[in-house]
Amino acid sequence: MLKVGLTGGIASGKSTVARMLVELGAVHIDFDVLAHEVEAPGRPVWRELVAAFGRAILNADGTINRAVLGGLVFQDRARREVLNAIVHPAVFAAWRRRLAEIEREAPHAITLADVPLLFEVGAETMMDLVLLVYVPPEEQLRRLMARNGYTRTEAEARLASQMPIDAKLARADIVIDNRGDREETRRRAAAVWEELRQRERQQRLVRHPHGHAPPSSLPPP
Protein backbone atom coordinates (compact mmCIF):
# COMPACT_ATOMS: atom_id res chain seq x y z
CA MET A 1 0.00 0.00 0.00
CA LEU A 2 1.15 3.50 -0.84
CA LYS A 3 0.07 6.20 1.62
CA VAL A 4 -0.18 9.54 -0.18
CA GLY A 5 -0.83 12.70 1.78
CA LEU A 6 -2.95 14.98 -0.39
CA THR A 7 -2.89 18.64 0.54
CA GLY A 8 -3.03 22.16 -0.84
CA GLY A 9 -3.98 25.67 0.12
CA ILE A 10 -7.53 26.87 0.56
CA ALA A 11 -9.30 27.18 -2.83
CA SER A 12 -6.45 25.45 -4.67
CA GLY A 13 -8.70 22.77 -6.21
CA LYS A 14 -7.66 19.85 -4.03
CA SER A 15 -11.12 18.27 -4.04
CA THR A 16 -11.24 18.37 -7.84
CA VAL A 17 -7.88 16.61 -8.12
CA ALA A 18 -8.94 14.06 -5.51
CA ARG A 19 -12.03 13.17 -7.57
CA MET A 20 -9.91 12.74 -10.68
CA LEU A 21 -7.46 10.42 -8.91
CA VAL A 22 -10.31 8.38 -7.44
CA GLU A 23 -11.71 7.92 -10.96
CA LEU A 24 -8.31 6.49 -11.92
CA GLY A 25 -8.29 4.05 -9.00
CA ALA A 26 -7.07 5.81 -5.86
CA VAL A 27 -8.79 5.21 -2.52
CA HIS A 28 -9.82 8.51 -0.96
CA ILE A 29 -9.80 9.02 2.82
CA ASP A 30 -11.30 12.41 3.61
CA PHE A 31 -10.13 13.67 6.99
CA ASP A 32 -13.06 16.08 7.14
CA VAL A 33 -15.42 13.08 7.00
CA LEU A 34 -13.37 11.31 9.70
CA ALA A 35 -13.60 14.43 11.87
CA HIS A 36 -17.40 14.42 11.54
CA GLU A 37 -17.44 10.77 12.58
CA VAL A 38 -15.33 11.21 15.70
CA GLU A 39 -17.27 14.37 16.67
CA ALA A 40 -20.67 12.63 16.54
CA PRO A 41 -22.92 13.37 19.54
CA GLY A 42 -22.09 11.36 22.63
CA ARG A 43 -18.68 10.18 21.43
CA PRO A 44 -15.58 10.95 23.53
CA VAL A 45 -14.38 13.76 21.25
CA TRP A 46 -17.84 15.37 21.32
CA ARG A 47 -17.86 15.28 25.11
CA GLU A 48 -14.38 16.83 25.31
CA LEU A 49 -15.31 19.60 22.88
CA VAL A 50 -18.44 20.48 24.83
CA ALA A 51 -16.43 20.49 28.06
CA ALA A 52 -13.78 22.77 26.52
CA PHE A 53 -15.96 25.18 24.53
CA GLY A 54 -19.45 24.96 26.05
CA ARG A 55 -22.83 23.93 24.73
CA ALA A 56 -23.01 27.08 22.59
CA ILE A 57 -21.08 25.12 19.92
CA LEU A 58 -23.99 22.69 19.48
CA ASN A 59 -26.82 22.71 16.98
CA ALA A 60 -30.36 21.99 18.15
CA ASP A 61 -29.88 18.30 17.31
CA GLY A 62 -26.73 18.08 19.42
CA THR A 63 -24.24 18.00 16.54
CA ILE A 64 -21.24 20.31 16.53
CA ASN A 65 -21.87 23.63 14.81
CA ARG A 66 -18.60 23.93 12.95
CA ALA A 67 -19.16 27.55 11.96
CA VAL A 68 -19.58 28.55 15.60
CA LEU A 69 -16.61 26.46 16.73
CA GLY A 70 -14.50 27.78 13.89
CA GLY A 71 -15.38 31.34 14.88
CA LEU A 72 -14.18 30.68 18.42
CA VAL A 73 -10.77 29.34 17.38
CA PHE A 74 -10.10 31.15 14.09
CA GLN A 75 -8.03 34.00 15.55
CA ASP A 76 -7.28 32.48 18.97
CA ARG A 77 -4.20 30.31 18.74
CA ALA A 78 -4.50 28.91 22.28
CA ARG A 79 -8.08 27.79 21.67
CA ARG A 80 -7.12 26.37 18.27
CA GLU A 81 -4.41 24.28 19.93
CA VAL A 82 -6.96 22.97 22.44
CA LEU A 83 -9.27 22.01 19.56
CA ASN A 84 -6.46 20.27 17.69
CA ALA A 85 -5.30 18.37 20.77
CA ILE A 86 -8.81 16.98 21.19
CA VAL A 87 -9.67 16.19 17.58
CA HIS A 88 -6.44 15.23 15.80
CA PRO A 89 -5.47 12.10 17.78
CA ALA A 90 -8.94 10.63 17.28
CA VAL A 91 -8.97 11.46 13.57
CA PHE A 92 -5.57 9.88 12.94
CA ALA A 93 -6.62 6.79 14.92
CA ALA A 94 -9.68 6.54 12.65
CA TRP A 95 -7.41 6.93 9.60
CA ARG A 96 -5.17 4.07 10.75
CA ARG A 97 -8.21 1.84 11.26
CA ARG A 98 -9.40 2.69 7.74
CA LEU A 99 -5.95 1.92 6.31
CA ALA A 100 -6.00 -1.49 7.97
CA GLU A 101 -9.40 -2.23 6.41
CA ILE A 102 -8.21 -1.17 2.97
CA GLU A 103 -5.00 -3.18 3.25
CA ARG A 104 -6.93 -6.35 4.05
CA GLU A 105 -9.07 -5.91 0.93
CA ALA A 106 -6.53 -4.36 -1.46
CA PRO A 107 -2.93 -4.66 -0.18
CA HIS A 108 -1.53 -2.73 -3.15
CA ALA A 109 -3.97 0.17 -2.97
CA ILE A 110 -2.89 3.77 -3.41
CA THR A 111 -4.60 5.75 -0.66
CA LEU A 112 -5.10 9.52 -0.61
CA ALA A 113 -5.17 10.96 2.90
CA ASP A 114 -6.98 14.23 2.18
CA VAL A 115 -5.55 16.51 4.89
CA PRO A 116 -5.90 20.28 4.28
CA LEU A 117 -3.51 21.17 7.14
CA LEU A 118 -1.13 18.26 6.60
CA PHE A 119 2.08 20.24 7.09
CA GLU A 120 0.62 22.41 9.84
CA VAL A 121 -0.12 19.36 12.02
CA GLY A 122 3.09 17.51 11.14
CA ALA A 123 1.28 14.65 9.40
CA GLU A 124 3.71 14.40 6.48
CA THR A 125 5.87 12.04 8.54
CA MET A 126 3.01 9.50 8.53
CA MET A 127 2.86 9.41 4.72
CA ASP A 128 5.00 7.71 2.09
CA LEU A 129 4.92 10.91 0.07
CA VAL A 130 3.07 14.22 -0.15
CA LEU A 131 1.11 15.41 -3.19
CA LEU A 132 0.39 19.14 -3.27
CA VAL A 133 -2.26 20.82 -5.41
CA TYR A 134 -0.86 24.25 -6.15
CA VAL A 135 -2.11 27.62 -7.31
CA PRO A 136 -0.28 30.87 -6.45
CA PRO A 137 -1.57 32.99 -3.55
CA GLU A 138 -3.19 35.64 -5.75
CA GLU A 139 -5.16 32.94 -7.54
CA GLN A 140 -6.20 31.46 -4.19
CA LEU A 141 -7.56 34.86 -3.17
CA ARG A 142 -9.45 35.31 -6.42
CA ARG A 143 -11.03 31.85 -6.24
CA LEU A 144 -11.87 32.15 -2.55
CA MET A 145 -13.63 35.49 -3.03
CA ALA A 146 -15.58 34.10 -5.99
CA ARG A 147 -16.49 30.83 -4.25
CA ASN A 148 -17.37 32.09 -0.78
CA GLY A 149 -18.36 35.69 -1.42
CA TYR A 150 -15.60 36.97 0.87
CA THR A 151 -14.17 40.44 0.70
CA ARG A 152 -10.47 40.59 -0.06
CA THR A 153 -9.74 41.28 3.61
CA GLU A 154 -11.76 38.23 4.69
CA ALA A 155 -10.06 36.04 2.09
CA GLU A 156 -6.61 37.26 3.13
CA ALA A 157 -7.42 36.41 6.75
CA ARG A 158 -8.29 32.84 5.74
CA LEU A 159 -5.05 32.47 3.83
CA ALA A 160 -3.09 33.91 6.75
CA SER A 161 -4.45 31.18 9.03
CA GLN A 162 -2.67 28.51 6.96
CA MET A 163 0.96 27.90 6.10
CA PRO A 164 1.72 29.88 2.90
CA ILE A 165 1.27 27.65 -0.11
CA ASP A 166 4.75 28.51 -1.41
CA ALA A 167 6.20 27.11 1.82
CA LYS A 168 4.21 23.92 1.24
CA LEU A 169 5.49 23.80 -2.33
CA ALA A 170 9.07 23.51 -1.08
CA ARG A 171 8.16 20.49 1.10
CA ALA A 172 6.00 18.48 -1.31
CA ASP A 173 7.22 15.39 -3.15
CA ILE A 174 4.87 15.76 -6.13
CA VAL A 175 3.05 18.91 -7.28
CA ILE A 176 0.02 19.34 -9.52
CA ASP A 177 -0.11 22.90 -10.81
CA ASN A 178 -3.82 23.68 -10.98
CA ARG A 179 -3.73 27.06 -12.70
CA GLY A 180 -4.99 25.71 -16.04
CA ASP A 181 -8.42 24.58 -17.16
CA ARG A 182 -10.06 21.36 -16.00
CA GLU A 183 -8.78 19.26 -18.91
CA GLU A 184 -5.20 20.40 -18.29
CA THR A 185 -5.59 19.44 -14.62
CA ARG A 186 -7.02 16.08 -15.68
CA ARG A 187 -3.97 15.41 -17.88
CA ARG A 188 -1.64 16.30 -15.02
CA ALA A 189 -3.58 14.10 -12.60
CA ALA A 190 -3.32 11.18 -15.04
CA ALA A 191 0.45 11.63 -15.29
CA VAL A 192 0.73 11.78 -11.49
CA TRP A 193 -1.38 8.63 -11.20
CA GLU A 194 1.12 6.72 -13.35
CA GLU A 195 3.94 7.99 -11.16
CA LEU A 196 2.09 6.85 -8.03
CA ARG A 197 1.57 3.39 -9.55
CA GLN A 198 5.29 3.17 -10.28
CA ARG A 199 6.13 4.23 -6.72
CA GLU A 200 3.78 1.62 -5.28
CA ARG A 201 5.44 -1.10 -7.39
CA GLN A 202 8.92 0.11 -6.40
CA GLN A 203 7.93 0.13 -2.74
CA ARG A 204 6.71 -3.45 -3.08
CA LEU A 205 9.99 -4.53 -4.69
CA VAL A 206 11.97 -2.94 -1.86
CA ARG A 207 9.89 -4.78 0.70
CA HIS A 208 10.00 -8.08 -1.23
CA PRO A 209 13.37 -7.96 -3.04
CA HIS A 210 13.39 -11.67 -3.93
CA GLY A 211 10.18 -11.60 -5.87
CA HIS A 212 7.94 -13.27 -3.31
CA ALA A 213 5.41 -10.48 -3.13
CA PRO A 214 1.84 -11.40 -4.09
CA PRO A 215 0.67 -10.05 -7.46
CA SER A 216 -0.73 -6.55 -7.51
CA SER A 217 -4.48 -6.06 -7.46
CA LEU A 218 -4.01 -3.04 -9.70
CA PRO A 219 -4.60 -3.39 -13.43
CA PRO A 220 -1.43 -3.67 -15.54
CA PRO A 221 -0.04 -0.42 -16.94
C-alpha atoms as a PDB file:
ATOM      1  CA  MET A   1       0.000   0.000   0.000  1.00  0.00           C
ATOM      2  CA  LEU A   2       1.149   3.500  -0.845  1.00  0.00           C
ATOM      3  CA  LYS A   3       0.065   6.201   1.622  1.00  0.00           C
ATOM      4  CA  VAL A   4      -0.178   9.540  -0.178  1.00  0.00           C
ATOM      5  CA  GLY A   5      -0.827  12.704   1.784  1.00  0.00           C
ATOM      6  CA  LEU A   6      -2.951  14.984  -0.386  1.00  0.00           C
ATOM      7  CA  THR A   7      -2.894  18.645   0.540  1.00  0.00           C
ATOM      8  CA  GLY A   8      -3.032  22.164  -0.837  1.00  0.00           C
ATOM      9  CA  GLY A   9      -3.981  25.670   0.118  1.00  0.00           C
ATOM     10  CA  ILE A  10      -7.532  26.874   0.558  1.00  0.00           C
ATOM     11  CA  ALA A  11      -9.298  27.183  -2.834  1.00  0.00           C
ATOM     12  CA  SER A  12      -6.448  25.450  -4.667  1.00  0.00           C
ATOM     13  CA  GLY A  13      -8.701  22.772  -6.207  1.00  0.00           C
ATOM     14  CA  LYS A  14      -7.658  19.849  -4.026  1.00  0.00           C
ATOM     15  CA  SER A  15     -11.122  18.275  -4.040  1.00  0.00           C
ATOM     16  CA  THR A  16     -11.239  18.370  -7.842  1.00  0.00           C
ATOM     17  CA  VAL A  17      -7.881  16.612  -8.116  1.00  0.00           C
ATOM     18  CA  ALA A  18      -8.940  14.061  -5.507  1.00  0.00           C
ATOM     19  CA  ARG A  19     -12.034  13.165  -7.566  1.00  0.00           C
ATOM     20  CA  MET A  20      -9.907  12.740 -10.683  1.00  0.00           C
ATOM     21  CA  LEU A  21      -7.464  10.419  -8.915  1.00  0.00           C
ATOM     22  CA  VAL A  22     -10.314   8.381  -7.437  1.00  0.00           C
ATOM     23  CA  GLU A  23     -11.710   7.921 -10.964  1.00  0.00           C
ATOM     24  CA  LEU A  24      -8.310   6.489 -11.919  1.00  0.00           C
ATOM     25  CA  GLY A  25      -8.289   4.049  -8.999  1.00  0.00           C
ATOM     26  CA  ALA A  26      -7.069   5.809  -5.861  1.00  0.00           C
ATOM     27  CA  VAL A  27      -8.789   5.210  -2.516  1.00  0.00           C
ATOM     28  CA  HIS A  28      -9.820   8.515  -0.965  1.00  0.00           C
ATOM     29  CA  ILE A  29      -9.802   9.015   2.819  1.00  0.00           C
ATOM     30  CA  ASP A  30     -11.301  12.414   3.606  1.00  0.00           C
ATOM     31  CA  PHE A  31     -10.127  13.671   6.993  1.00  0.00           C
ATOM     32  CA  ASP A  32     -13.056  16.075   7.140  1.00  0.00           C
ATOM     33  CA  VAL A  33     -15.416  13.084   7.001  1.00  0.00           C
ATOM     34  CA  LEU A  34     -13.366  11.314   9.695  1.00  0.00           C
ATOM     35  CA  ALA A  35     -13.603  14.433  11.873  1.00  0.00           C
ATOM     36  CA  HIS A  36     -17.399  14.425  11.539  1.00  0.00           C
ATOM     37  CA  GLU A  37     -17.440  10.770  12.576  1.00  0.00           C
ATOM     38  CA  VAL A  38     -15.329  11.211  15.705  1.00  0.00           C
ATOM     39  CA  GLU A  39     -17.272  14.367  16.668  1.00  0.00           C
ATOM     40  CA  ALA A  40     -20.670  12.628  16.535  1.00  0.00           C
ATOM     41  CA  PRO A  41     -22.919  13.375  19.537  1.00  0.00           C
ATOM     42  CA  GLY A  42     -22.088  11.363  22.630  1.00  0.00           C
ATOM     43  CA  ARG A  43     -18.683  10.180  21.429  1.00  0.00           C
ATOM     44  CA  PRO A  44     -15.580  10.948  23.529  1.00  0.00           C
ATOM     45  CA  VAL A  45     -14.375  13.761  21.248  1.00  0.00           C
ATOM     46  CA  TRP A  46     -17.836  15.369  21.325  1.00  0.00           C
ATOM     47  CA  ARG A  47     -17.858  15.281  25.112  1.00  0.00           C
ATOM     48  CA  GLU A  48     -14.376  16.829  25.306  1.00  0.00           C
ATOM     49  CA  LEU A  49     -15.310  19.600  22.877  1.00  0.00           C
ATOM     50  CA  VAL A  50     -18.438  20.480  24.828  1.00  0.00           C
ATOM     51  CA  ALA A  51     -16.434  20.493  28.058  1.00  0.00           C
ATOM     52  CA  ALA A  52     -13.778  22.766  26.518  1.00  0.00           C
ATOM     53  CA  PHE A  53     -15.963  25.185  24.533  1.00  0.00           C
ATOM     54  CA  GLY A  54     -19.448  24.964  26.053  1.00  0.00           C
ATOM     55  CA  ARG A  55     -22.834  23.925  24.729  1.00  0.00           C
ATOM     56  CA  ALA A  56     -23.005  27.079  22.591  1.00  0.00           C
ATOM     57  CA  ILE A  57     -21.080  25.120  19.922  1.00  0.00           C
ATOM     58  CA  LEU A  58     -23.991  22.688  19.484  1.00  0.00           C
ATOM     59  CA  ASN A  59     -26.818  22.711  16.977  1.00  0.00           C
ATOM     60  CA  ALA A  60     -30.362  21.992  18.149  1.00  0.00           C
ATOM     61  CA  ASP A  61     -29.880  18.297  17.310  1.00  0.00           C
ATOM     62  CA  GLY A  62     -26.730  18.082  19.422  1.00  0.00           C
ATOM     63  CA  THR A  63     -24.240  17.998  16.539  1.00  0.00           C
ATOM     64  CA  ILE A  64     -21.241  20.309  16.535  1.00  0.00           C
ATOM     65  CA  ASN A  65     -21.872  23.628  14.809  1.00  0.00           C
ATOM     66  CA  ARG A  66     -18.603  23.928  12.950  1.00  0.00           C
ATOM     67  CA  ALA A  67     -19.160  27.549  11.965  1.00  0.00           C
ATOM     68  CA  VAL A  68     -19.583  28.548  15.603  1.00  0.00           C
ATOM     69  CA  LEU A  69     -16.615  26.459  16.729  1.00  0.00           C
ATOM     70  CA  GLY A  70     -14.498  27.783  13.887  1.00  0.00           C
ATOM     71  CA  GLY A  71     -15.383  31.343  14.876  1.00  0.00           C
ATOM     72  CA  LEU A  72     -14.183  30.678  18.416  1.00  0.00           C
ATOM     73  CA  VAL A  73     -10.775  29.341  17.381  1.00  0.00           C
ATOM     74  CA  PHE A  74     -10.095  31.150  14.090  1.00  0.00           C
ATOM     75  CA  GLN A  75      -8.025  33.996  15.550  1.00  0.00           C
ATOM     76  CA  ASP A  76      -7.282  32.478  18.967  1.00  0.00           C
ATOM     77  CA  ARG A  77      -4.197  30.306  18.740  1.00  0.00           C
ATOM     78  CA  ALA A  78      -4.500  28.911  22.277  1.00  0.00           C
ATOM     79  CA  ARG A  79      -8.080  27.789  21.670  1.00  0.00           C
ATOM     80  CA  ARG A  80      -7.120  26.366  18.273  1.00  0.00           C
ATOM     81  CA  GLU A  81      -4.411  24.280  19.932  1.00  0.00           C
ATOM     82  CA  VAL A  82      -6.965  22.968  22.443  1.00  0.00           C
ATOM     83  CA  LEU A  83      -9.267  22.014  19.564  1.00  0.00           C
ATOM     84  CA  ASN A  84      -6.455  20.273  17.688  1.00  0.00           C
ATOM     85  CA  ALA A  85      -5.296  18.372  20.772  1.00  0.00           C
ATOM     86  CA  ILE A  86      -8.809  16.984  21.193  1.00  0.00           C
ATOM     87  CA  VAL A  87      -9.668  16.186  17.584  1.00  0.00           C
ATOM     88  CA  HIS A  88      -6.444  15.231  15.797  1.00  0.00           C
ATOM     89  CA  PRO A  89      -5.471  12.102  17.783  1.00  0.00           C
ATOM     90  CA  ALA A  90      -8.938  10.630  17.280  1.00  0.00           C
ATOM     91  CA  VAL A  91      -8.973  11.457  13.571  1.00  0.00           C
ATOM     92  CA  PHE A  92      -5.572   9.878  12.944  1.00  0.00           C
ATOM     93  CA  ALA A  93      -6.615   6.787  14.917  1.00  0.00           C
ATOM     94  CA  ALA A  94      -9.683   6.535  12.649  1.00  0.00           C
ATOM     95  CA  TRP A  95      -7.410   6.929   9.598  1.00  0.00           C
ATOM     96  CA  ARG A  96      -5.172   4.072  10.751  1.00  0.00           C
ATOM     97  CA  ARG A  97      -8.208   1.837  11.255  1.00  0.00           C
ATOM     98  CA  ARG A  98      -9.398   2.692   7.745  1.00  0.00           C
ATOM     99  CA  LEU A  99      -5.948   1.917   6.315  1.00  0.00           C
ATOM    100  CA  ALA A 100      -6.004  -1.489   7.975  1.00  0.00           C
ATOM    101  CA  GLU A 101      -9.403  -2.231   6.412  1.00  0.00           C
ATOM    102  CA  ILE A 102      -8.209  -1.166   2.973  1.00  0.00           C
ATOM    103  CA  GLU A 103      -5.003  -3.180   3.248  1.00  0.00           C
ATOM    104  CA  ARG A 104      -6.928  -6.350   4.047  1.00  0.00           C
ATOM    105  CA  GLU A 105      -9.067  -5.914   0.932  1.00  0.00           C
ATOM    106  CA  ALA A 106      -6.527  -4.364  -1.459  1.00  0.00           C
ATOM    107  CA  PRO A 107      -2.935  -4.660  -0.179  1.00  0.00           C
ATOM    108  CA  HIS A 108      -1.533  -2.730  -3.153  1.00  0.00           C
ATOM    109  CA  ALA A 109      -3.969   0.171  -2.972  1.00  0.00           C
ATOM    110  CA  ILE A 110      -2.895   3.770  -3.407  1.00  0.00           C
ATOM    111  CA  THR A 111      -4.598   5.754  -0.661  1.00  0.00           C
ATOM    112  CA  LEU A 112      -5.100   9.518  -0.609  1.00  0.00           C
ATOM    113  CA  ALA A 113      -5.174  10.958   2.899  1.00  0.00           C
ATOM    114  CA  ASP A 114      -6.975  14.228   2.183  1.00  0.00           C
ATOM    115  CA  VAL A 115      -5.550  16.512   4.892  1.00  0.00           C
ATOM    116  CA  PRO A 116      -5.903  20.279   4.277  1.00  0.00           C
ATOM    117  CA  LEU A 117      -3.508  21.173   7.136  1.00  0.00           C
ATOM    118  CA  LEU A 118      -1.128  18.258   6.601  1.00  0.00           C
ATOM    119  CA  PHE A 119       2.080  20.239   7.092  1.00  0.00           C
ATOM    120  CA  GLU A 120       0.624  22.409   9.840  1.00  0.00           C
ATOM    121  CA  VAL A 121      -0.120  19.362  12.015  1.00  0.00           C
ATOM    122  CA  GLY A 122       3.093  17.508  11.139  1.00  0.00           C
ATOM    123  CA  ALA A 123       1.280  14.646   9.400  1.00  0.00           C
ATOM    124  CA  GLU A 124       3.707  14.399   6.482  1.00  0.00           C
ATOM    125  CA  THR A 125       5.873  12.040   8.544  1.00  0.00           C
ATOM    126  CA  MET A 126       3.009   9.504   8.533  1.00  0.00           C
ATOM    127  CA  MET A 127       2.860   9.407   4.720  1.00  0.00           C
ATOM    128  CA  ASP A 128       5.002   7.709   2.093  1.00  0.00           C
ATOM    129  CA  LEU A 129       4.915  10.909   0.066  1.00  0.00           C
ATOM    130  CA  VAL A 130       3.070  14.224  -0.153  1.00  0.00           C
ATOM    131  CA  LEU A 131       1.109  15.408  -3.189  1.00  0.00           C
ATOM    132  CA  LEU A 132       0.390  19.142  -3.274  1.00  0.00           C
ATOM    133  CA  VAL A 133      -2.261  20.819  -5.409  1.00  0.00           C
ATOM    134  CA  TYR A 134      -0.862  24.253  -6.150  1.00  0.00           C
ATOM    135  CA  VAL A 135      -2.108  27.621  -7.312  1.00  0.00           C
ATOM    136  CA  PRO A 136      -0.277  30.867  -6.447  1.00  0.00           C
ATOM    137  CA  PRO A 137      -1.574  32.988  -3.551  1.00  0.00           C
ATOM    138  CA  GLU A 138      -3.187  35.643  -5.748  1.00  0.00           C
ATOM    139  CA  GLU A 139      -5.158  32.938  -7.542  1.00  0.00           C
ATOM    140  CA  GLN A 140      -6.196  31.462  -4.187  1.00  0.00           C
ATOM    141  CA  LEU A 141      -7.563  34.856  -3.166  1.00  0.00           C
ATOM    142  CA  ARG A 142      -9.453  35.305  -6.419  1.00  0.00           C
ATOM    143  CA  ARG A 143     -11.030  31.846  -6.242  1.00  0.00           C
ATOM    144  CA  LEU A 144     -11.871  32.148  -2.551  1.00  0.00           C
ATOM    145  CA  MET A 145     -13.628  35.489  -3.034  1.00  0.00           C
ATOM    146  CA  ALA A 146     -15.584  34.095  -5.990  1.00  0.00           C
ATOM    147  CA  ARG A 147     -16.486  30.827  -4.247  1.00  0.00           C
ATOM    148  CA  ASN A 148     -17.369  32.088  -0.775  1.00  0.00           C
ATOM    149  CA  GLY A 149     -18.359  35.686  -1.416  1.00  0.00           C
ATOM    150  CA  TYR A 150     -15.597  36.968   0.866  1.00  0.00           C
ATOM    151  CA  THR A 151     -14.167  40.445   0.699  1.00  0.00           C
ATOM    152  CA  ARG A 152     -10.466  40.591  -0.063  1.00  0.00           C
ATOM    153  CA  THR A 153      -9.739  41.283   3.612  1.00  0.00           C
ATOM    154  CA  GLU A 154     -11.755  38.232   4.690  1.00  0.00           C
ATOM    155  CA  ALA A 155     -10.062  36.043   2.089  1.00  0.00           C
ATOM    156  CA  GLU A 156      -6.610  37.256   3.127  1.00  0.00           C
ATOM    157  CA  ALA A 157      -7.419  36.410   6.752  1.00  0.00           C
ATOM    158  CA  ARG A 158      -8.292  32.841   5.742  1.00  0.00           C
ATOM    159  CA  LEU A 159      -5.046  32.472   3.826  1.00  0.00           C
ATOM    160  CA  ALA A 160      -3.088  33.914   6.746  1.00  0.00           C
ATOM    161  CA  SER A 161      -4.448  31.180   9.026  1.00  0.00           C
ATOM    162  CA  GLN A 162      -2.666  28.512   6.957  1.00  0.00           C
ATOM    163  CA  MET A 163       0.962  27.897   6.096  1.00  0.00           C
ATOM    164  CA  PRO A 164       1.724  29.882   2.904  1.00  0.00           C
ATOM    165  CA  ILE A 165       1.274  27.646  -0.112  1.00  0.00           C
ATOM    166  CA  ASP A 166       4.750  28.510  -1.413  1.00  0.00           C
ATOM    167  CA  ALA A 167       6.205  27.109   1.819  1.00  0.00           C
ATOM    168  CA  LYS A 168       4.208  23.916   1.244  1.00  0.00           C
ATOM    169  CA  LEU A 169       5.494  23.803  -2.328  1.00  0.00           C
ATOM    170  CA  ALA A 170       9.065  23.507  -1.082  1.00  0.00           C
ATOM    171  CA  ARG A 171       8.163  20.494   1.099  1.00  0.00           C
ATOM    172  CA  ALA A 172       5.997  18.483  -1.307  1.00  0.00           C
ATOM    173  CA  ASP A 173       7.220  15.387  -3.152  1.00  0.00           C
ATOM    174  CA  ILE A 174       4.865  15.763  -6.134  1.00  0.00           C
ATOM    175  CA  VAL A 175       3.050  18.909  -7.281  1.00  0.00           C
ATOM    176  CA  ILE A 176       0.015  19.336  -9.520  1.00  0.00           C
ATOM    177  CA  ASP A 177      -0.113  22.899 -10.814  1.00  0.00           C
ATOM    178  CA  ASN A 178      -3.825  23.682 -10.982  1.00  0.00           C
ATOM    179  CA  ARG A 179      -3.733  27.058 -12.702  1.00  0.00           C
ATOM    180  CA  GLY A 180      -4.986  25.709 -16.038  1.00  0.00           C
ATOM    181  CA  ASP A 181      -8.420  24.577 -17.165  1.00  0.00           C
ATOM    182  CA  ARG A 182     -10.059  21.361 -15.998  1.00  0.00           C
ATOM    183  CA  GLU A 183      -8.778  19.265 -18.910  1.00  0.00           C
ATOM    184  CA  GLU A 184      -5.204  20.395 -18.287  1.00  0.00           C
ATOM    185  CA  THR A 185      -5.590  19.442 -14.619  1.00  0.00           C
ATOM    186  CA  ARG A 186      -7.018  16.078 -15.678  1.00  0.00           C
ATOM    187  CA  ARG A 187      -3.971  15.406 -17.877  1.00  0.00           C
ATOM    188  CA  ARG A 188      -1.640  16.304 -15.021  1.00  0.00           C
ATOM    189  CA  ALA A 189      -3.578  14.102 -12.603  1.00  0.00           C
ATOM    190  CA  ALA A 190      -3.319  11.177 -15.039  1.00  0.00           C
ATOM    191  CA  ALA A 191       0.446  11.627 -15.286  1.00  0.00           C
ATOM    192  CA  VAL A 192       0.733  11.778 -11.493  1.00  0.00           C
ATOM    193  CA  TRP A 193      -1.375   8.628 -11.198  1.00  0.00           C
ATOM    194  CA  GLU A 194       1.117   6.721 -13.351  1.00  0.00           C
ATOM    195  CA  GLU A 195       3.943   7.994 -11.161  1.00  0.00           C
ATOM    196  CA  LEU A 196       2.094   6.854  -8.030  1.00  0.00           C
ATOM    197  CA  ARG A 197       1.571   3.394  -9.549  1.00  0.00           C
ATOM    198  CA  GLN A 198       5.291   3.170 -10.275  1.00  0.00           C
ATOM    199  CA  ARG A 199       6.133   4.228  -6.725  1.00  0.00           C
ATOM    200  CA  GLU A 200       3.782   1.617  -5.280  1.00  0.00           C
ATOM    201  CA  ARG A 201       5.439  -1.095  -7.389  1.00  0.00           C
ATOM    202  CA  GLN A 202       8.925   0.105  -6.402  1.00  0.00           C
ATOM    203  CA  GLN A 203       7.927   0.126  -2.740  1.00  0.00           C
ATOM    204  CA  ARG A 204       6.714  -3.455  -3.084  1.00  0.00           C
ATOM    205  CA  LEU A 205       9.989  -4.532  -4.686  1.00  0.00           C
ATOM    206  CA  VAL A 206      11.973  -2.942  -1.865  1.00  0.00           C
ATOM    207  CA  ARG A 207       9.887  -4.780   0.702  1.00  0.00           C
ATOM    208  CA  HIS A 208      10.000  -8.079  -1.228  1.00  0.00           C
ATOM    209  CA  PRO A 209      13.369  -7.957  -3.037  1.00  0.00           C
ATOM    210  CA  HIS A 210      13.386 -11.669  -3.931  1.00  0.00           C
ATOM    211  CA  GLY A 211      10.184 -11.599  -5.869  1.00  0.00           C
ATOM    212  CA  HIS A 212       7.941 -13.270  -3.312  1.00  0.00           C
ATOM    213  CA  ALA A 213       5.406 -10.479  -3.131  1.00  0.00           C
ATOM    214  CA  PRO A 214       1.837 -11.396  -4.086  1.00  0.00           C
ATOM    215  CA  PRO A 215       0.674 -10.048  -7.460  1.00  0.00           C
ATOM    216  CA  SER A 216      -0.735  -6.545  -7.514  1.00  0.00           C
ATOM    217  CA  SER A 217      -4.483  -6.060  -7.460  1.00  0.00           C
ATOM    218  CA  LEU A 218      -4.014  -3.036  -9.702  1.00  0.00           C
ATOM    219  CA  PRO A 219      -4.601  -3.392 -13.434  1.00  0.00           C
ATOM    220  CA  PRO A 220      -1.429  -3.670 -15.537  1.00  0.00           C
ATOM    221  CA  PRO A 221      -0.041  -0.419 -16.936  1.00  0.00           C
END
